[in-house]
Amino acid sequence: MELQPGREAVVRVAVATLWTSPEAVRPVDRPALTARADILAWVSGMNTDQQVGDCVLSQLLLGERVLVSELRPDGWARVVAVEQPAAKLDPRGYPGWLPAEQLTAVDPTATGTAPPLVVDTTVTGLHAAPGGPVVVPGVVVGTRLVPAGPACDDWRPVHVPGQATPLWLLDDHLAATPPATPSAEEALAVAQRLLDVIYIWGGLSAHGIDCSGLVHLAWRRLGVLLPRDADDQAAATTPLTLGAERPGDLYFFARPGRKIHHIGIVTAPPGDGGERRMLHACYRRRRVIEEPLPADRTATLVGAHRV
């Protein structure tokens, strides 16, 4: 089946990058634009300035749904990422561009009854057979996969978009459908596994991530769909009285008269002297860190919220 405007498609690569426009991509971005989308090579090829280029909007994981709105003759598709709420941009989801060959059409006649499994290891690969060659490398935590049968010798077959036959991964790299009401502490535990991951503006994977991407991905792993951007995440969560926050809650930051620009995950109750700690993807340090709030962060702290 071919991609068609007005119809849904799904991501067929481990991690696809959503761009502001085809014209905005840079020479350094080439590894992320191929049919295999080598995100690890893309991240490792960038310098610290290129890591925060504003040509990147977000990223999409293998199997994630999009609505195709335009197909260009040069191979680019304009899409809406329907699993990444972005109310201020489009009520349907996050809009942007990606290479059409990183998508595959949805078969409207295909049905499945098995509940999806979710990748629960930081990074894994999908193999042609148990212990066989890797067909799709770089699959990240939070990716949802449809089982294609029972586990066999510690390996599990899964259906993969764009693949004619099931692929395999280690069964202990997967988890069952998350609980209906996951806790904030569970989300924090997911995020803590991404400590030291490189900061990438618009990143949403264990290869590179930004501050709101870290929060979105941690909760996505647990089956909770939060908006993609920090200001929308604030609008979608419940404000707390400062001092009532607990591990797994969220801190939001804004400069006077400006919209929210940063988010972190609370890692400890406030100290008696008002000391606070958080885990966040830090623009300044260019990686995910856990730290006490320095004075300049405290000065821009505008609230604590709970999911």
Protein backbone atom coordinates (compact mmCIF):
# COMPACT_ATOMS: atom_id res chain seq x y z
CA MET A 1 0.00 0.00 0.00
CA GLU A 2 1.14 3.54 -0.78
CA LEU A 3 1.10 6.57 1.48
CA GLN A 4 -1.82 8.87 0.77
CA PRO A 5 -2.64 12.37 2.06
CA GLY A 6 -5.51 12.29 4.50
CA ARG A 7 -4.71 8.79 5.71
CA GLU A 8 -2.74 7.45 8.63
CA ALA A 9 0.70 5.90 8.39
CA VAL A 10 3.13 4.48 10.94
CA VAL A 11 6.84 4.97 11.53
CA ARG A 12 8.94 2.10 10.17
CA VAL A 13 12.35 3.12 11.61
CA ALA A 14 13.52 2.92 15.21
CA VAL A 15 13.44 6.70 15.64
CA ALA A 16 12.24 9.22 13.05
CA THR A 17 12.95 12.94 13.40
CA LEU A 18 10.26 15.54 12.83
CA TRP A 19 11.65 18.64 11.06
CA THR A 20 10.40 22.21 10.71
CA SER A 21 10.73 21.94 6.92
CA PRO A 22 12.73 19.97 4.33
CA GLU A 23 14.76 23.10 3.59
CA ALA A 24 15.82 23.45 7.23
CA VAL A 25 17.93 20.26 7.38
CA ARG A 26 21.71 20.60 7.51
CA PRO A 27 24.52 18.47 6.04
CA VAL A 28 25.15 17.02 9.52
CA ASP A 29 21.57 15.69 9.55
CA ARG A 30 22.06 13.21 6.68
CA PRO A 31 22.28 10.06 8.88
CA ALA A 32 18.82 10.87 10.31
CA LEU A 33 17.26 11.23 6.85
CA THR A 34 17.96 7.79 5.40
CA ALA A 35 15.60 4.82 5.08
CA ARG A 36 17.25 3.33 8.21
CA ALA A 37 17.57 6.62 10.12
CA ASP A 38 20.88 6.08 11.94
CA ILE A 39 20.13 8.31 14.93
CA LEU A 40 23.21 7.24 16.89
CA ALA A 41 25.48 8.32 14.01
CA TRP A 42 23.53 11.56 13.66
CA VAL A 43 23.90 12.44 17.35
CA SER A 44 27.57 11.49 17.51
CA GLY A 45 28.31 13.61 14.42
CA MET A 46 27.02 16.87 15.89
CA ASN A 47 28.92 19.45 17.88
CA THR A 48 27.35 21.13 20.91
CA ASP A 49 25.93 24.00 18.86
CA GLN A 50 24.39 21.66 16.30
CA GLN A 51 22.75 19.65 19.11
CA VAL A 52 20.45 22.60 19.80
CA GLY A 53 19.57 23.59 16.25
CA ASP A 54 15.94 24.65 16.05
CA CYS A 55 15.33 22.76 12.80
CA VAL A 56 14.25 19.74 14.89
CA LEU A 57 10.73 19.73 16.33
CA SER A 58 10.38 16.27 17.86
CA GLN A 59 10.97 12.59 17.21
CA LEU A 60 8.70 9.61 16.65
CA LEU A 61 9.24 6.01 17.70
CA LEU A 62 8.85 2.83 15.69
CA GLY A 63 5.15 2.07 15.15
CA GLU A 64 4.00 5.57 16.13
CA ARG A 65 0.97 6.79 14.16
CA VAL A 66 0.89 9.91 12.02
CA LEU A 67 -1.69 11.54 9.79
CA VAL A 68 -0.21 12.29 6.37
CA SER A 69 -1.27 15.73 5.15
CA GLU A 70 1.03 16.26 2.15
CA LEU A 71 3.47 14.26 0.02
CA ARG A 72 6.13 16.11 -1.99
CA PRO A 73 7.74 14.77 -5.18
CA ASP A 74 11.17 15.05 -3.53
CA GLY A 75 10.28 12.36 -0.99
CA TRP A 76 9.19 14.45 1.98
CA ALA A 77 5.93 14.01 3.88
CA ARG A 78 4.16 16.61 5.97
CA VAL A 79 2.49 14.84 8.87
CA VAL A 80 0.72 15.31 12.17
CA ALA A 81 2.10 13.15 14.99
CA VAL A 82 -1.23 12.18 16.53
CA GLU A 83 0.36 10.56 19.60
CA GLN A 84 2.10 13.79 20.62
CA PRO A 85 -0.53 16.33 21.72
CA ALA A 86 0.32 19.93 20.82
CA ALA A 87 -2.88 21.91 21.25
CA LYS A 88 -1.38 25.30 20.43
CA LEU A 89 -0.01 24.03 17.10
CA ASP A 90 -2.69 21.62 15.86
CA PRO A 91 -5.56 20.01 17.79
CA ARG A 92 -4.76 16.70 16.08
CA GLY A 93 -1.15 16.47 17.25
CA TYR A 94 2.37 17.73 16.53
CA PRO A 95 2.86 18.88 12.90
CA GLY A 96 6.10 18.66 10.95
CA TRP A 97 8.02 17.04 8.12
CA LEU A 98 9.92 13.76 7.74
CA PRO A 99 11.22 11.59 4.88
CA ALA A 100 8.33 9.57 3.45
CA GLU A 101 10.47 6.43 3.25
CA GLN A 102 10.56 6.37 7.05
CA LEU A 103 6.81 5.67 7.02
CA THR A 104 4.62 2.82 5.88
CA ALA A 105 0.92 2.93 5.10
CA VAL A 106 -1.62 1.50 7.53
CA ASP A 107 -3.57 -1.44 6.16
CA PRO A 108 -7.21 -0.64 7.06
CA THR A 109 -8.12 -4.33 6.81
CA ALA A 110 -5.47 -5.44 9.29
CA THR A 111 -6.73 -6.20 12.76
CA GLY A 112 -5.03 -7.39 15.90
CA THR A 113 -6.38 -8.49 19.24
CA ALA A 114 -3.20 -9.08 21.22
CA PRO A 115 -2.36 -6.24 23.63
CA PRO A 116 0.86 -4.46 22.68
CA LEU A 117 4.13 -4.95 24.47
CA VAL A 118 6.41 -2.04 25.36
CA VAL A 119 10.20 -1.93 25.14
CA ASP A 120 11.52 -1.70 28.68
CA THR A 121 15.26 -1.65 28.07
CA THR A 122 17.01 1.58 27.19
CA VAL A 123 18.09 0.53 23.69
CA THR A 124 17.64 -2.77 21.88
CA GLY A 125 17.62 -4.24 18.37
CA LEU A 126 15.14 -6.31 16.38
CA HIS A 127 16.61 -9.47 14.84
CA ALA A 128 15.74 -11.56 11.80
CA ALA A 129 15.67 -14.69 14.01
CA PRO A 130 16.51 -15.53 17.63
CA GLY A 131 20.18 -14.62 17.96
CA GLY A 132 20.29 -13.70 14.26
CA PRO A 133 21.40 -10.52 12.51
CA VAL A 134 19.93 -7.19 13.58
CA VAL A 135 17.41 -5.82 11.10
CA VAL A 136 16.25 -2.73 13.02
CA PRO A 137 18.89 -1.37 15.44
CA GLY A 138 18.45 1.40 17.99
CA VAL A 139 14.91 0.66 19.18
CA VAL A 140 14.36 2.62 22.40
CA VAL A 141 12.46 2.39 25.67
CA GLY A 142 8.79 3.28 25.33
CA THR A 143 8.40 1.77 21.85
CA ARG A 144 5.22 -0.28 21.49
CA LEU A 145 5.30 -3.56 19.56
CA VAL A 146 2.60 -6.04 18.64
CA PRO A 147 3.38 -9.66 19.65
CA ALA A 148 3.47 -12.19 16.85
CA GLY A 149 3.41 -15.27 19.05
CA PRO A 150 4.73 -16.68 22.32
CA ALA A 151 8.30 -16.38 23.48
CA CYS A 152 10.71 -19.08 22.33
CA ASP A 153 14.00 -19.74 24.11
CA ASP A 154 13.98 -16.28 25.72
CA TRP A 155 13.17 -14.53 22.41
CA ARG A 156 9.86 -12.97 21.41
CA PRO A 157 8.53 -12.50 17.84
CA VAL A 158 6.85 -9.14 17.10
CA HIS A 159 5.13 -7.54 14.15
CA VAL A 160 7.12 -4.58 12.83
CA PRO A 161 5.81 -1.91 10.43
CA GLY A 162 7.32 -2.30 6.99
CA GLN A 163 8.59 -5.84 7.63
CA ALA A 164 6.98 -8.75 5.78
CA THR A 165 7.75 -11.27 8.53
CA PRO A 166 8.00 -10.97 12.33
CA LEU A 167 11.26 -9.88 13.91
CA TRP A 168 12.67 -11.03 17.24
CA LEU A 169 14.05 -9.45 20.38
CA LEU A 170 14.99 -10.72 23.80
CA ASP A 171 11.85 -11.32 25.83
CA ASP A 172 13.27 -9.62 28.91
CA HIS A 173 13.64 -6.41 26.89
CA LEU A 174 9.84 -6.17 26.83
CA ALA A 175 7.16 -5.50 29.40
CA ALA A 176 3.43 -6.10 29.37
CA THR A 177 0.88 -3.34 28.92
CA PRO A 178 1.46 -0.81 31.73
CA PRO A 179 -0.92 -0.56 34.69
CA ALA A 180 -3.98 1.66 34.36
CA THR A 181 -2.76 4.08 37.03
CA PRO A 182 1.05 4.21 37.09
CA SER A 183 2.70 6.23 39.83
CA ALA A 184 4.92 9.27 39.65
CA GLU A 185 7.70 7.24 41.24
CA GLU A 186 7.51 4.75 38.37
CA ALA A 187 7.85 7.57 35.84
CA LEU A 188 10.85 8.92 37.73
CA ALA A 189 12.45 5.46 37.67
CA VAL A 190 12.10 5.36 33.87
CA ALA A 191 13.63 8.82 33.52
CA GLN A 192 16.52 7.93 35.84
CA ARG A 193 17.58 5.25 33.38
CA LEU A 194 18.28 8.07 30.90
CA LEU A 195 20.87 9.81 33.08
CA ASP A 196 23.79 11.11 30.97
CA VAL A 197 21.88 10.82 27.68
CA ILE A 198 22.95 13.69 25.39
CA TYR A 199 20.73 16.76 25.16
CA ILE A 200 19.26 17.17 21.67
CA TRP A 201 16.76 19.95 20.98
CA GLY A 202 13.56 18.14 19.97
CA GLY A 203 15.01 14.76 20.99
CA LEU A 204 12.65 12.08 22.24
CA SER A 205 14.76 8.95 22.60
CA ALA A 206 17.52 7.28 24.55
CA HIS A 207 19.96 8.46 21.85
CA GLY A 208 19.28 12.14 22.60
CA ILE A 209 16.49 13.99 24.37
CA ASP A 210 15.31 17.40 25.54
CA CYS A 211 13.63 18.46 28.78
CA SER A 212 9.99 18.00 27.77
CA GLY A 213 10.90 14.93 25.74
CA LEU A 214 12.27 13.28 28.88
CA VAL A 215 8.97 13.83 30.70
CA HIS A 216 6.87 12.76 27.71
CA LEU A 217 8.89 9.57 27.15
CA ALA A 218 8.96 8.54 30.83
CA TRP A 219 5.19 8.72 31.05
CA ARG A 220 4.68 7.22 27.58
CA ARG A 221 6.57 4.14 28.75
CA LEU A 222 3.84 3.78 31.40
CA GLY A 223 0.97 4.29 28.96
CA VAL A 224 0.21 7.91 29.87
CA LEU A 225 0.05 10.33 26.92
CA LEU A 226 1.30 13.79 27.93
CA PRO A 227 1.69 16.71 25.51
CA ARG A 228 5.05 17.11 23.82
CA ASP A 229 6.07 20.64 24.89
CA ALA A 230 6.69 21.96 28.40
CA ASP A 231 4.06 24.72 28.39
CA ASP A 232 1.41 22.26 27.18
CA GLN A 233 2.56 19.77 29.82
CA ALA A 234 1.95 22.42 32.48
CA ALA A 235 -1.58 22.98 31.17
CA ALA A 236 -2.28 19.23 31.22
CA THR A 237 -1.13 18.59 34.81
CA THR A 238 -2.35 19.60 38.27
CA PRO A 239 -0.68 22.55 40.07
CA LEU A 240 0.58 21.99 43.61
CA THR A 241 1.47 24.33 46.41
CA LEU A 242 5.24 24.67 46.37
CA GLY A 243 6.52 22.54 49.22
CA ALA A 244 3.93 19.81 48.65
CA GLU A 245 5.83 18.21 45.76
CA ARG A 246 7.21 14.70 46.01
CA PRO A 247 9.49 12.54 43.83
CA GLY A 248 8.08 12.12 40.33
CA ASP A 249 6.22 15.44 40.31
CA LEU A 250 7.23 18.16 37.86
CA TYR A 251 8.94 21.54 38.22
CA PHE A 252 8.24 24.26 35.64
CA PHE A 253 10.39 27.29 34.88
CA ALA A 254 9.71 30.60 33.16
CA ARG A 255 11.25 34.06 33.04
CA PRO A 256 9.10 37.05 34.04
CA GLY A 257 6.43 37.74 31.44
CA ARG A 258 7.50 34.76 29.31
CA LYS A 259 5.98 31.33 28.70
CA ILE A 260 7.32 28.18 30.36
CA HIS A 261 10.64 27.21 28.81
CA HIS A 262 11.92 24.34 30.97
CA ILE A 263 10.71 21.33 32.94
CA GLY A 264 12.32 18.92 35.39
CA ILE A 265 11.27 15.89 37.42
CA VAL A 266 11.35 16.19 41.22
CA THR A 267 13.77 13.67 42.75
CA ALA A 268 13.45 14.47 46.47
CA PRO A 269 11.05 16.24 48.83
CA PRO A 270 12.01 19.88 49.50
CA GLY A 271 14.53 20.31 52.29
CA ASP A 272 13.86 22.25 55.47
CA GLY A 273 15.69 25.23 54.01
CA GLY A 274 13.77 25.07 50.74
CA GLU A 275 16.45 23.10 48.90
CA ARG A 276 15.09 21.24 45.88
CA ARG A 277 16.47 18.57 43.54
CA MET A 278 15.43 17.50 40.07
CA LEU A 279 16.30 15.25 37.14
CA HIS A 280 16.23 17.06 33.80
CA ALA A 281 17.66 17.23 30.32
CA CYS A 282 19.91 20.25 30.79
CA TYR A 283 20.43 22.62 27.86
CA ARG A 284 23.50 24.13 29.52
CA ARG A 285 25.26 20.87 30.37
CA ARG A 286 24.02 19.17 27.18
CA ARG A 287 22.92 16.01 28.93
CA VAL A 288 20.43 14.49 31.37
CA ILE A 289 21.54 15.23 34.93
CA GLU A 290 20.24 15.06 38.50
CA GLU A 291 21.15 18.04 40.65
CA PRO A 292 20.05 20.49 43.35
CA LEU A 293 18.37 23.55 41.87
CA PRO A 294 21.00 26.29 41.53
CA ALA A 295 20.03 29.84 42.43
CA ASP A 296 19.23 30.90 38.89
CA ARG A 297 16.90 27.94 38.44
CA THR A 298 15.16 28.66 41.72
CA ALA A 299 14.67 32.26 40.60
CA THR A 300 12.69 31.09 37.55
CA LEU A 301 10.73 28.29 39.26
CA VAL A 302 7.07 29.07 38.64
CA GLY A 303 5.38 25.96 39.96
CA ALA A 304 5.24 22.29 40.80
CA HIS A 305 2.64 20.05 39.15
CA ARG A 306 1.45 16.46 39.41
CA VAL A 307 0.44 14.14 36.59
